[in-house]
């Protein structure tokens, strides 16, 4: 993946070490990225990573960078959906245990589905018991699950354009 994507980035010297300038920005076919009809919605399966999405959809792991770029993902470890096992590990690391995540209230929801922060909830408890009677608690495990699931459906550039984008990237960096 990285070899193909970064091979045309120019070399620079940093602290007497020769490195690829990965901070260089390119203008890759803006019209394609600006048109929604050029994208395909893809549902990421449990445990699937960007490299396997690239292989499944584009037929090559060399397009992993295109999967990430299409979804504006900078960090594939934290911006990508977690597998069930990774999700459990995340909960344990963040809340100490899964039961703790199941019992920790992180916010509340009103009857319209709008979120109310803990601070706002605490303020409501001071001024009116009627206001808080219409709020339901949102537990950490549910909020974390919702945030993780928002990453499940990604957008992929139509495979028809993959070679054209790769070629333009290569030419723009030459």
Protein backbone atom coordinates (compact mmCIF):
# COMPACT_ATOMS: atom_id res chain seq x y z
CA UNK A 1 0.00 0.00 0.00
CA UNK A 2 2.40 2.68 1.22
CA UNK A 3 5.04 1.76 -1.32
CA UNK A 4 2.74 2.44 -4.26
CA UNK A 5 1.16 5.58 -2.84
CA UNK A 6 4.32 7.26 -1.58
CA UNK A 7 6.78 6.17 -4.28
CA UNK A 8 6.39 9.42 -6.25
CA UNK A 9 6.53 11.81 -3.32
CA UNK A 10 9.76 13.82 -3.49
CA UNK A 11 12.67 13.04 -1.23
CA UNK A 12 13.84 15.70 1.21
CA UNK A 13 16.54 15.89 3.85
CA UNK A 14 15.46 16.29 7.47
CA UNK A 15 18.13 16.20 10.21
CA UNK A 16 20.55 14.75 7.67
CA UNK A 17 18.16 11.89 6.88
CA UNK A 18 16.63 11.38 3.45
CA UNK A 19 12.82 11.08 3.79
CA UNK A 20 9.69 11.20 1.63
CA UNK A 21 7.80 14.48 1.89
CA UNK A 22 4.44 12.96 2.84
CA UNK A 23 3.08 16.38 3.80
CA UNK A 24 2.92 17.41 0.15
CA UNK A 25 -0.64 18.07 -1.02
CA UNK A 26 -1.83 17.33 -4.50
CA UNK A 27 -4.87 18.35 -6.51
CA UNK A 28 -6.20 14.99 -7.56
CA UNK A 29 -9.13 15.33 -9.94
CA UNK A 30 -11.30 17.62 -7.85
CA UNK A 31 -14.35 17.10 -10.06
CA UNK A 32 -14.46 13.41 -9.16
CA UNK A 33 -14.30 14.10 -5.43
CA UNK A 34 -16.92 16.85 -5.65
CA UNK A 35 -19.58 14.73 -7.35
CA UNK A 36 -21.58 12.40 -5.11
CA UNK A 37 -22.54 10.15 -8.02
CA UNK A 38 -18.88 9.13 -8.34
CA UNK A 39 -19.02 7.46 -4.94
CA UNK A 40 -20.23 4.03 -3.95
CA UNK A 41 -21.43 3.26 -0.42
CA UNK A 42 -19.61 0.29 1.05
CA UNK A 43 -20.49 -1.46 4.30
CA UNK A 44 -17.38 -2.51 6.22
CA UNK A 45 -17.66 -6.02 7.67
CA UNK A 46 -16.53 -6.81 11.21
CA UNK A 47 -12.74 -6.90 11.38
CA UNK A 48 -12.29 -5.65 7.82
CA UNK A 49 -9.45 -3.19 7.37
CA UNK A 50 -8.77 -0.61 4.62
CA UNK A 51 -6.34 -2.94 2.86
CA UNK A 52 -8.98 -5.67 2.46
CA UNK A 53 -11.61 -3.13 1.35
CA UNK A 54 -9.18 -1.96 -1.35
CA UNK A 55 -8.59 -5.53 -2.47
CA UNK A 56 -12.29 -6.43 -2.43
CA UNK A 57 -13.49 -3.32 -4.25
CA UNK A 58 -10.59 -2.21 -6.46
CA UNK A 59 -8.95 -5.62 -6.87
CA UNK A 60 -5.63 -4.47 -5.45
CA UNK A 61 -4.20 -3.55 -2.05
CA UNK A 62 -2.33 -0.76 -3.87
CA UNK A 63 -5.53 1.33 -3.66
CA UNK A 64 -5.70 1.34 0.14
CA UNK A 65 -4.69 5.00 0.04
CA UNK A 66 -7.76 5.70 -2.16
CA UNK A 67 -10.07 4.04 0.39
CA UNK A 68 -8.62 6.28 3.10
CA UNK A 69 -8.57 9.42 0.97
CA UNK A 70 -12.18 8.92 -0.15
CA UNK A 71 -13.27 8.99 3.48
CA UNK A 72 -10.87 11.70 4.66
CA UNK A 73 -9.23 9.23 7.04
CA UNK A 74 -5.90 10.44 8.35
CA UNK A 75 -5.33 7.80 11.00
CA UNK A 76 -6.50 4.33 9.93
CA UNK A 77 -6.13 3.02 13.48
CA UNK A 78 -8.44 5.49 15.19
CA UNK A 79 -10.63 6.80 12.35
CA UNK A 80 -11.61 3.32 11.11
CA UNK A 81 -14.40 1.20 12.61
CA UNK A 82 -13.23 -1.09 15.40
CA UNK A 83 -13.84 -4.83 15.21
CA UNK A 84 -15.91 -6.38 18.00
CA UNK A 85 -12.73 -7.48 19.76
CA UNK A 86 -11.07 -4.06 19.35
CA UNK A 87 -14.27 -2.38 20.55
CA UNK A 88 -14.29 -4.43 23.76
CA UNK A 89 -10.60 -3.61 24.33
CA UNK A 90 -11.35 0.08 23.75
CA UNK A 91 -14.15 0.01 26.35
CA UNK A 92 -11.94 -1.74 28.89
CA UNK A 93 -9.10 0.72 28.32
CA UNK A 94 -11.37 3.76 28.52
CA UNK A 95 -13.80 2.73 31.29
CA UNK A 96 -11.90 0.03 33.16
CA UNK A 97 -14.30 -2.78 32.28
CA UNK A 98 -17.30 -3.57 30.12
CA UNK A 99 -19.67 -3.54 33.15
CA UNK A 100 -18.34 -0.07 34.00
CA UNK A 101 -19.11 1.11 30.45
CA UNK A 102 -22.59 -0.40 30.78
CA UNK A 103 -23.27 1.53 33.99
CA UNK A 104 -21.56 4.86 33.23
CA UNK A 105 -23.96 7.58 32.09
CA UNK A 106 -22.22 9.90 29.62
CA UNK A 107 -25.17 12.07 28.60
CA UNK A 108 -28.93 12.16 28.34
CA UNK A 109 -31.41 12.24 25.49
CA UNK A 110 -34.63 14.24 25.36
CA UNK A 111 -37.88 12.99 23.84
CA UNK A 112 -36.87 14.33 20.42
CA UNK A 113 -33.60 12.40 20.46
CA UNK A 114 -31.41 15.45 21.11
CA UNK A 115 -28.42 14.97 23.37
CA UNK A 116 -28.13 16.77 26.70
CA UNK A 117 -24.71 16.94 28.32
CA UNK A 118 -24.12 15.90 31.93
CA UNK A 119 -23.49 19.53 32.86
CA UNK A 120 -26.81 20.61 31.36
CA UNK A 121 -28.57 17.72 33.09
CA UNK A 122 -27.06 18.73 36.43
CA UNK A 123 -28.21 22.31 35.84
CA UNK A 124 -31.73 21.07 35.04
CA UNK A 125 -31.83 19.12 38.31
CA UNK A 126 -31.24 22.38 40.17
CA UNK A 127 -34.02 24.33 38.48
CA UNK A 128 -36.77 21.86 37.59
CA UNK A 129 -37.57 18.21 38.15
CA UNK A 130 -40.07 18.42 35.27
CA UNK A 131 -37.28 19.11 32.77
CA UNK A 132 -35.28 16.06 33.79
CA UNK A 133 -38.29 13.73 33.84
CA UNK A 134 -38.30 13.81 30.02
CA UNK A 135 -34.64 12.82 29.73
CA UNK A 136 -33.33 9.28 29.39
CA UNK A 137 -29.75 8.30 30.24
CA UNK A 138 -27.26 7.31 27.56
CA UNK A 139 -24.72 4.82 28.81
CA UNK A 140 -21.09 4.82 27.71
CA UNK A 141 -21.35 1.46 25.96
CA UNK A 142 -24.30 2.67 23.86
CA UNK A 143 -22.67 5.98 22.97
CA UNK A 144 -19.36 4.32 22.06
CA UNK A 145 -21.20 1.70 19.99
CA UNK A 146 -23.12 4.43 18.15
CA UNK A 147 -19.90 6.37 17.42
CA UNK A 148 -18.16 3.22 16.18
CA UNK A 149 -21.10 2.20 13.97
CA UNK A 150 -21.09 5.63 12.30
CA UNK A 151 -17.84 4.48 10.67
CA UNK A 152 -19.34 1.28 9.21
CA UNK A 153 -20.65 2.74 5.95
CA UNK A 154 -17.88 4.35 3.96
CA UNK A 155 -17.74 5.99 0.56
CA UNK A 156 -15.53 4.62 -2.19
CA UNK A 157 -14.65 6.38 -5.41
CA UNK A 158 -16.18 4.42 -8.26
CA UNK A 159 -13.63 1.85 -9.42
CA UNK A 160 -13.89 3.26 -12.95
CA UNK A 161 -11.87 6.28 -11.76
CA UNK A 162 -9.23 4.47 -9.66
CA UNK A 163 -6.57 4.17 -12.38
CA UNK A 164 -7.17 7.73 -13.57
CA UNK A 165 -6.73 9.11 -10.06
CA UNK A 166 -3.60 7.03 -9.47
CA UNK A 167 -2.12 8.21 -12.77
CA UNK A 168 -2.90 11.85 -12.02
CA UNK A 169 -1.36 11.51 -8.57
CA UNK A 170 1.78 10.04 -10.08
CA UNK A 171 2.00 12.82 -12.70
CA UNK A 172 1.37 15.60 -10.20
CA UNK A 173 4.25 14.38 -8.04
CA UNK A 174 6.71 13.76 -10.88
